[in-house]
Amino acid sequence: MDSNQPMGQSFSFTPEQIRSVLGTKEGQQLLSLLNRDGGAALRQAASAVKSGDYAAAQRILEPVMQTPEASRLVDAINRK
């Protein structure tokens, strides 16, 4: 495991899992939230993950992911 990756957190998703989440209404709404700045933060986070810096990706997305709206959407996705 990469030393920058939080303990117990895995970023290994299959294409099918990603399609499944993004195929839901909640997944689309979450993606829309993450793209509110034109997708800049999402692209930066993806680049950080690609280079193995999971902590940076988390820091980049944290402001959006900690909003009540994002929390509600993630909870709904996790319940499915």
PDB file of N, CA and C in Angstrom:
ATOM      1  N   MET A   1       0.841  -1.177   0.000  1.00  0.00           N
ATOM      2  CA  MET A   1       0.000   0.000   0.000  1.00  0.00           C
ATOM      3  C   MET A   1       0.884   1.237   0.000  1.00  0.00           C
ATOM      4  N   ASP A   2       0.445   2.238  -0.703  1.00  0.00           N
ATOM      5  CA  ASP A   2       1.150   3.515  -0.750  1.00  0.00           C
ATOM      6  C   ASP A   2       1.073   4.176   0.610  1.00  0.00           C
ATOM      7  N   SER A   3       2.175   4.767   1.060  1.00  0.00           N
ATOM      8  CA  SER A   3       2.186   5.390   2.384  1.00  0.00           C
ATOM      9  C   SER A   3       1.292   6.611   2.457  1.00  0.00           C
ATOM     10  N   ASN A   4       0.902   7.181   1.319  1.00  0.00           N
ATOM     11  CA  ASN A   4       0.009   8.330   1.311  1.00  0.00           C
ATOM     12  C   ASN A   4      -1.459   7.934   1.358  1.00  0.00           C
ATOM     13  N   GLN A   5      -1.742   6.640   1.196  1.00  0.00           N
ATOM     14  CA  GLN A   5      -3.123   6.189   1.182  1.00  0.00           C
ATOM     15  C   GLN A   5      -3.602   5.958   2.610  1.00  0.00           C
ATOM     16  N   PRO A   6      -4.758   6.541   2.980  1.00  0.00           N
ATOM     17  CA  PRO A   6      -5.276   6.344   4.329  1.00  0.00           C
ATOM     18  C   PRO A   6      -5.511   4.878   4.621  1.00  0.00           C
ATOM     19  N   MET A   7      -5.252   4.497   5.862  1.00  0.00           N
ATOM     20  CA  MET A   7      -5.455   3.116   6.278  1.00  0.00           C
ATOM     21  C   MET A   7      -6.899   2.706   6.051  1.00  0.00           C
ATOM     22  N   GLY A   8      -7.105   1.518   5.525  1.00  0.00           N
ATOM     23  CA  GLY A   8      -8.431   0.979   5.344  1.00  0.00           C
ATOM     24  C   GLY A   8      -9.194   1.575   4.175  1.00  0.00           C
ATOM     25  N   GLN A   9      -8.579   2.445   3.424  1.00  0.00           N
ATOM     26  CA  GLN A   9      -9.280   3.074   2.316  1.00  0.00           C
ATOM     27  C   GLN A   9      -8.692   2.572   1.015  1.00  0.00           C
ATOM     28  N   SER A  10      -9.547   2.075   0.145  1.00  0.00           N
ATOM     29  CA  SER A  10      -9.097   1.547  -1.121  1.00  0.00           C
ATOM     30  C   SER A  10      -9.648   2.399  -2.254  1.00  0.00           C
ATOM     31  N   PHE A  11      -8.806   2.699  -3.217  1.00  0.00           N
ATOM     32  CA  PHE A  11      -9.227   3.461  -4.371  1.00  0.00           C
ATOM     33  C   PHE A  11      -9.262   2.580  -5.604  1.00  0.00           C
ATOM     34  N   SER A  12      -9.312   1.264  -5.407  1.00  0.00           N
ATOM     35  CA  SER A  12      -9.354   0.340  -6.523  1.00  0.00           C
ATOM     36  C   SER A  12     -10.807   0.029  -6.847  1.00  0.00           C
ATOM     37  N   PHE A  13     -11.284   0.634  -7.904  1.00  0.00           N
ATOM     38  CA  PHE A  13     -12.651   0.398  -8.333  1.00  0.00           C
ATOM     39  C   PHE A  13     -12.619  -0.187  -9.726  1.00  0.00           C
ATOM     40  N   THR A  14     -13.507  -1.142  -9.978  1.00  0.00           N
ATOM     41  CA  THR A  14     -13.599  -1.700 -11.319  1.00  0.00           C
ATOM     42  C   THR A  14     -14.395  -0.734 -12.187  1.00  0.00           C
ATOM     43  N   PRO A  15     -14.195  -0.799 -13.480  1.00  0.00           N
ATOM     44  CA  PRO A  15     -15.005   0.042 -14.375  1.00  0.00           C
ATOM     45  C   PRO A  15     -16.506  -0.193 -14.178  1.00  0.00           C
ATOM     46  N   GLU A  16     -16.887  -1.430 -13.889  1.00  0.00           N
ATOM     47  CA  GLU A  16     -18.298  -1.739 -13.673  1.00  0.00           C
ATOM     48  C   GLU A  16     -18.836  -1.044 -12.427  1.00  0.00           C
ATOM     49  N   GLN A  17     -18.037  -0.995 -11.371  1.00  0.00           N
ATOM     50  CA  GLN A  17     -18.462  -0.317 -10.148  1.00  0.00           C
ATOM     51  C   GLN A  17     -18.627   1.178 -10.393  1.00  0.00           C
ATOM     52  N   ILE A  18     -17.718   1.765 -11.119  1.00  0.00           N
ATOM     53  CA  ILE A  18     -17.796   3.196 -11.415  1.00  0.00           C
ATOM     54  C   ILE A  18     -19.030   3.484 -12.266  1.00  0.00           C
ATOM     55  N   ARG A  19     -19.237   2.668 -13.300  1.00  0.00           N
ATOM     56  CA  ARG A  19     -20.432   2.851 -14.143  1.00  0.00           C
ATOM     57  C   ARG A  19     -21.706   2.681 -13.330  1.00  0.00           C
ATOM     58  N   SER A  20     -21.691   1.724 -12.413  1.00  0.00           N
ATOM     59  CA  SER A  20     -22.863   1.480 -11.581  1.00  0.00           C
ATOM     60  C   SER A  20     -23.202   2.693 -10.727  1.00  0.00           C
ATOM     61  N   VAL A  21     -22.197   3.288 -10.090  1.00  0.00           N
ATOM     62  CA  VAL A  21     -22.425   4.469  -9.247  1.00  0.00           C
ATOM     63  C   VAL A  21     -22.839   5.659 -10.098  1.00  0.00           C
ATOM     64  N   LEU A  22     -22.123   5.882 -11.193  1.00  0.00           N
ATOM     65  CA  LEU A  22     -22.426   7.038 -12.041  1.00  0.00           C
ATOM     66  C   LEU A  22     -23.750   6.874 -12.781  1.00  0.00           C
ATOM     67  N   GLY A  23     -24.250   5.658 -12.830  1.00  0.00           N
ATOM     68  CA  GLY A  23     -25.537   5.405 -13.467  1.00  0.00           C
ATOM     69  C   GLY A  23     -26.724   5.719 -12.571  1.00  0.00           C
ATOM     70  N   THR A  24     -26.448   6.039 -11.318  1.00  0.00           N
ATOM     71  CA  THR A  24     -27.538   6.376 -10.402  1.00  0.00           C
ATOM     72  C   THR A  24     -27.789   7.881 -10.411  1.00  0.00           C
ATOM     73  N   LYS A  25     -28.991   8.250 -10.005  1.00  0.00           N
ATOM     74  CA  LYS A  25     -29.327   9.679  -9.906  1.00  0.00           C
ATOM     75  C   LYS A  25     -28.385  10.364  -8.923  1.00  0.00           C
ATOM     76  N   GLU A  26     -28.108   9.712  -7.799  1.00  0.00           N
ATOM     77  CA  GLU A  26     -27.231  10.293  -6.786  1.00  0.00           C
ATOM     78  C   GLU A  26     -25.804  10.423  -7.297  1.00  0.00           C
ATOM     79  N   GLY A  27     -25.344   9.428  -8.034  1.00  0.00           N
ATOM     80  CA  GLY A  27     -24.000   9.472  -8.602  1.00  0.00           C
ATOM     81  C   GLY A  27     -23.850  10.624  -9.586  1.00  0.00           C
ATOM     82  N   GLN A  28     -24.869  10.843 -10.399  1.00  0.00           N
ATOM     83  CA  GLN A  28     -24.845  11.952 -11.344  1.00  0.00           C
ATOM     84  C   GLN A  28     -24.851  13.299 -10.617  1.00  0.00           C
ATOM     85  N   GLN A  29     -25.632  13.387  -9.540  1.00  0.00           N
ATOM     86  CA  GLN A  29     -25.673  14.623  -8.761  1.00  0.00           C
ATOM     87  C   GLN A  29     -24.332  14.888  -8.086  1.00  0.00           C
ATOM     88  N   LEU A  30     -23.695  13.835  -7.565  1.00  0.00           N
ATOM     89  CA  LEU A  30     -22.388  13.985  -6.934  1.00  0.00           C
ATOM     90  C   LEU A  30     -21.350  14.426  -7.961  1.00  0.00           C
ATOM     91  N   LEU A  31     -21.378  13.828  -9.127  1.00  0.00           N
ATOM     92  CA  LEU A  31     -20.460  14.222 -10.187  1.00  0.00           C
ATOM     93  C   LEU A  31     -20.681  15.684 -10.572  1.00  0.00           C
ATOM     94  N   SER A  32     -21.928  16.093 -10.614  1.00  0.00           N
ATOM     95  CA  SER A  32     -22.249  17.488 -10.910  1.00  0.00           C
ATOM     96  C   SER A  32     -21.661  18.425  -9.852  1.00  0.00           C
ATOM     97  N   LEU A  33     -21.762  18.033  -8.584  1.00  0.00           N
ATOM     98  CA  LEU A  33     -21.162  18.833  -7.509  1.00  0.00           C
ATOM     99  C   LEU A  33     -19.655  18.961  -7.697  1.00  0.00           C
ATOM    100  N   LEU A  34     -19.022  17.851  -8.042  1.00  0.00           N
ATOM    101  CA  LEU A  34     -17.566  17.839  -8.203  1.00  0.00           C
ATOM    102  C   LEU A  34     -17.115  18.619  -9.430  1.00  0.00           C
ATOM    103  N   ASN A  35     -18.032  18.894 -10.337  1.00  0.00           N
ATOM    104  CA  ASN A  35     -17.697  19.629 -11.553  1.00  0.00           C
ATOM    105  C   ASN A  35     -18.126  21.088 -11.512  1.00  0.00           C
ATOM    106  N   ARG A  36     -18.581  21.561 -10.371  1.00  0.00           N
ATOM    107  CA  ARG A  36     -19.068  22.942 -10.274  1.00  0.00           C
ATOM    108  C   ARG A  36     -18.010  23.972 -10.641  1.00  0.00           C
ATOM    109  N   ASP A  37     -16.760  23.657 -10.439  1.00  0.00           N
ATOM    110  CA  ASP A  37     -15.684  24.605 -10.784  1.00  0.00           C
ATOM    111  C   ASP A  37     -15.143  24.332 -12.181  1.00  0.00           C
ATOM    112  N   GLY A  38     -15.965  23.737 -13.012  1.00  0.00           N
ATOM    113  CA  GLY A  38     -15.520  23.385 -14.360  1.00  0.00           C
ATOM    114  C   GLY A  38     -14.729  22.092 -14.387  1.00  0.00           C
ATOM    115  N   GLY A  39     -14.708  21.386 -13.281  1.00  0.00           N
ATOM    116  CA  GLY A  39     -13.999  20.117 -13.204  1.00  0.00           C
ATOM    117  C   GLY A  39     -12.542  20.234 -12.825  1.00  0.00           C
ATOM    118  N   ALA A  40     -12.085  21.450 -12.514  1.00  0.00           N
ATOM    119  CA  ALA A  40     -10.661  21.642 -12.206  1.00  0.00           C
ATOM    120  C   ALA A  40     -10.222  20.815 -10.997  1.00  0.00           C
ATOM    121  N   ALA A  41     -10.989  20.868  -9.918  1.00  0.00           N
ATOM    122  CA  ALA A  41     -10.618  20.116  -8.710  1.00  0.00           C
ATOM    123  C   ALA A  41     -10.658  18.618  -8.966  1.00  0.00           C
ATOM    124  N   LEU A  42     -11.658  18.177  -9.715  1.00  0.00           N
ATOM    125  CA  LEU A  42     -11.761  16.754 -10.022  1.00  0.00           C
ATOM    126  C   LEU A  42     -10.575  16.290 -10.857  1.00  0.00           C
ATOM    127  N   ARG A  43     -10.171  17.088 -11.821  1.00  0.00           N
ATOM    128  CA  ARG A  43      -8.993  16.740 -12.635  1.00  0.00           C
ATOM    129  C   ARG A  43      -7.724  16.731 -11.789  1.00  0.00           C
ATOM    130  N   GLN A  44      -7.583  17.708 -10.885  1.00  0.00           N
ATOM    131  CA  GLN A  44      -6.407  17.745 -10.005  1.00  0.00           C
ATOM    132  C   GLN A  44      -6.383  16.519  -9.100  1.00  0.00           C
ATOM    133  N   ALA A  45      -7.540  16.149  -8.557  1.00  0.00           N
ATOM    134  CA  ALA A  45      -7.611  14.979  -7.679  1.00  0.00           C
ATOM    135  C   ALA A  45      -7.291  13.706  -8.452  1.00  0.00           C
ATOM    136  N   ALA A  46      -7.814  13.589  -9.667  1.00  0.00           N
ATOM    137  CA  ALA A  46      -7.532  12.410 -10.484  1.00  0.00           C
ATOM    138  C   ALA A  46      -6.043  12.316 -10.799  1.00  0.00           C
ATOM    139  N   SER A  47      -5.434  13.448 -11.070  1.00  0.00           N
ATOM    140  CA  SER A  47      -3.996  13.459 -11.336  1.00  0.00           C
ATOM    141  C   SER A  47      -3.211  13.031 -10.099  1.00  0.00           C
ATOM    142  N   ALA A  48      -3.641  13.504  -8.932  1.00  0.00           N
ATOM    143  CA  ALA A  48      -2.968  13.117  -7.687  1.00  0.00           C
ATOM    144  C   ALA A  48      -3.099  11.618  -7.440  1.00  0.00           C
ATOM    145  N   VAL A  49      -4.280  11.068  -7.675  1.00  0.00           N
ATOM    146  CA  VAL A  49      -4.487   9.624  -7.490  1.00  0.00           C
ATOM    147  C   VAL A  49      -3.617   8.849  -8.471  1.00  0.00           C
ATOM    148  N   LYS A  50      -3.587   9.312  -9.709  1.00  0.00           N
ATOM    149  CA  LYS A  50      -2.780   8.636 -10.726  1.00  0.00           C
ATOM    150  C   LYS A  50      -1.312   8.578 -10.334  1.00  0.00           C
ATOM    151  N   SER A  51      -0.840   9.635  -9.662  1.00  0.00           N
ATOM    152  CA  SER A  51       0.561   9.646  -9.234  1.00  0.00           C
ATOM    153  C   SER A  51       0.756   8.998  -7.864  1.00  0.00           C
ATOM    154  N   GLY A  52      -0.338   8.489  -7.276  1.00  0.00           N
ATOM    155  CA  GLY A  52      -0.237   7.776  -6.005  1.00  0.00           C
ATOM    156  C   GLY A  52      -0.375   8.646  -4.774  1.00  0.00           C
ATOM    157  N   ASP A  53      -0.701   9.911  -4.943  1.00  0.00           N
ATOM    158  CA  ASP A  53      -0.825  10.820  -3.798  1.00  0.00           C
ATOM    159  C   ASP A  53      -2.288  10.939  -3.374  1.00  0.00           C
ATOM    160  N   TYR A  54      -2.747   9.922  -2.662  1.00  0.00           N
ATOM    161  CA  TYR A  54      -4.146   9.853  -2.233  1.00  0.00           C
ATOM    162  C   TYR A  54      -4.484  10.947  -1.225  1.00  0.00           C
ATOM    163  N   ALA A  55      -3.534  11.321  -0.409  1.00  0.00           N
ATOM    164  CA  ALA A  55      -3.767  12.377   0.580  1.00  0.00           C
ATOM    165  C   ALA A  55      -4.047  13.704  -0.113  1.00  0.00           C
ATOM    166  N   ALA A  56      -3.317  13.998  -1.170  1.00  0.00           N
ATOM    167  CA  ALA A  56      -3.549  15.237  -1.914  1.00  0.00           C
ATOM    168  C   ALA A  56      -4.919  15.208  -2.571  1.00  0.00           C
ATOM    169  N   ALA A  57      -5.294  14.078  -3.146  1.00  0.00           N
ATOM    170  CA  ALA A  57      -6.616  13.960  -3.772  1.00  0.00           C
ATOM    171  C   ALA A  57      -7.713  14.207  -2.749  1.00  0.00           C
ATOM    172  N   GLN A  58      -7.533  13.654  -1.574  1.00  0.00           N
ATOM    173  CA  GLN A  58      -8.518  13.845  -0.510  1.00  0.00           C
ATOM    174  C   GLN A  58      -8.600  15.320  -0.104  1.00  0.00           C
ATOM    175  N   ARG A  59      -7.454  15.972   0.030  1.00  0.00           N
ATOM    176  CA  ARG A  59      -7.436  17.392   0.395  1.00  0.00           C
ATOM    177  C   ARG A  59      -8.123  18.252  -0.671  1.00  0.00           C
ATOM    178  N   ILE A  60      -7.907  17.919  -1.920  1.00  0.00           N
ATOM    179  CA  ILE A  60      -8.489  18.684  -3.026  1.00  0.00           C
ATOM    180  C   ILE A  60     -10.015  18.572  -3.028  1.00  0.00           C
ATOM    181  N   LEU A  61     -10.524  17.371  -2.805  1.00  0.00           N
ATOM    182  CA  LEU A  61     -11.971  17.147  -2.884  1.00  0.00           C
ATOM    183  C   LEU A  61     -12.705  17.396  -1.569  1.00  0.00           C
ATOM    184  N   GLU A  62     -11.973  17.491  -0.490  1.00  0.00           N
ATOM    185  CA  GLU A  62     -12.580  17.615   0.835  1.00  0.00           C
ATOM    186  C   GLU A  62     -13.583  18.765   0.968  1.00  0.00           C
ATOM    187  N   PRO A  63     -13.290  19.962   0.472  1.00  0.00           N
ATOM    188  CA  PRO A  63     -14.271  21.048   0.641  1.00  0.00           C
ATOM    189  C   PRO A  63     -15.646  20.717   0.050  1.00  0.00           C
ATOM    190  N   VAL A  64     -15.663  20.072  -1.093  1.00  0.00           N
ATOM    191  CA  VAL A  64     -16.942  19.704  -1.707  1.00  0.00           C
ATOM    192  C   VAL A  64     -17.561  18.507  -0.994  1.00  0.00           C
ATOM    193  N   MET A  65     -16.735  17.514  -0.692  1.00  0.00           N
ATOM    194  CA  MET A  65     -17.258  16.276  -0.112  1.00  0.00           C
ATOM    195  C   MET A  65     -17.788  16.463   1.302  1.00  0.00           C
ATOM    196  N   GLN A  66     -17.406  17.538   1.985  1.00  0.00           N
ATOM    197  CA  GLN A  66     -17.890  17.767   3.341  1.00  0.00           C
ATOM    198  C   GLN A  66     -19.146  18.627   3.380  1.00  0.00           C
ATOM    199  N   THR A  67     -19.673  18.984   2.229  1.00  0.00           N
ATOM    200  CA  THR A  67     -20.912  19.754   2.219  1.00  0.00           C
ATOM    201  C   THR A  67     -22.067  18.828   2.580  1.00  0.00           C
ATOM    202  N   PRO A  68     -23.123  19.382   3.159  1.00  0.00           N
ATOM    203  CA  PRO A  68     -24.289  18.551   3.491  1.00  0.00           C
ATOM    204  C   PRO A  68     -24.857  17.829   2.267  1.00  0.00           C
ATOM    205  N   GLU A  69     -24.867  18.500   1.127  1.00  0.00           N
ATOM    206  CA  GLU A  69     -25.409  17.888  -0.080  1.00  0.00           C
ATOM    207  C   GLU A  69     -24.588  16.669  -0.506  1.00  0.00           C
ATOM    208  N   ALA A  70     -23.263  16.798  -0.514  1.00  0.00           N
ATOM    209  CA  ALA A  70     -22.401  15.672  -0.886  1.00  0.00           C
ATOM    210  C   ALA A  70     -22.527  14.542   0.125  1.00  0.00           C
ATOM    211  N   SER A  71     -22.582  14.865   1.390  1.00  0.00           N
ATOM    212  CA  SER A  71     -22.731  13.835   2.427  1.00  0.00           C
ATOM    213  C   SER A  71     -24.018  13.052   2.238  1.00  0.00           C
ATOM    214  N   ARG A  72     -25.093  13.765   1.929  1.00  0.00           N
ATOM    215  CA  ARG A  72     -26.389  13.107   1.710  1.00  0.00           C
ATOM    216  C   ARG A  72     -26.313  12.179   0.503  1.00  0.00           C
ATOM    217  N   LEU A  73     -25.678  12.640  -0.569  1.00  0.00           N
ATOM    218  CA  LEU A  73     -25.566  11.820  -1.778  1.00  0.00           C
ATOM    219  C   LEU A  73     -24.706  10.585  -1.545  1.00  0.00           C
ATOM    220  N   VAL A  74     -23.597  10.751  -0.842  1.00  0.00           N
ATOM    221  CA  VAL A  74     -22.719   9.593  -0.556  1.00  0.00           C
ATOM    222  C   VAL A  74     -23.459   8.580   0.314  1.00  0.00           C
ATOM    223  N   ASP A  75     -24.198   9.067   1.308  1.00  0.00           N
ATOM    224  CA  ASP A  75     -24.989   8.155   2.140  1.00  0.00           C
ATOM    225  C   ASP A  75     -25.995   7.382   1.304  1.00  0.00           C
ATOM    226  N   ALA A  76     -26.673   8.072   0.378  1.00  0.00           N
ATOM    227  CA  ALA A  76     -27.661   7.419  -0.487  1.00  0.00           C
ATOM    228  C   ALA A  76     -26.992   6.374  -1.379  1.00  0.00           C
ATOM    229  N   ILE A  77     -25.829   6.710  -1.918  1.00  0.00           N
ATOM    230  CA  ILE A  77     -25.089   5.762  -2.765  1.00  0.00           C
ATOM    231  C   ILE A  77     -24.673   4.547  -1.958  1.00  0.00           C
ATOM    232  N   ASN A  78     -24.176   4.760  -0.743  1.00  0.00           N
ATOM    233  CA  ASN A  78     -23.733   3.653   0.100  1.00  0.00           C
ATOM    234  C   ASN A  78     -24.875   2.737   0.514  1.00  0.00           C
ATOM    235  N   ARG A  79     -26.063   3.294   0.633  1.00  0.00           N
ATOM    236  CA  ARG A  79     -27.220   2.462   1.001  1.00  0.00           C
ATOM    237  C   ARG A  79     -27.643   1.552  -0.130  1.00  0.00           C
ATOM    238  N   LYS A  80     -27.323   1.924  -1.353  1.00  0.00           N
ATOM    239  CA  LYS A  80     -27.696   1.100  -2.526  1.00  0.00           C
ATOM    240  C   LYS A  80     -26.726   0.003  -2.632  1.00  0.00           C
TER     241      LYS A  80
END
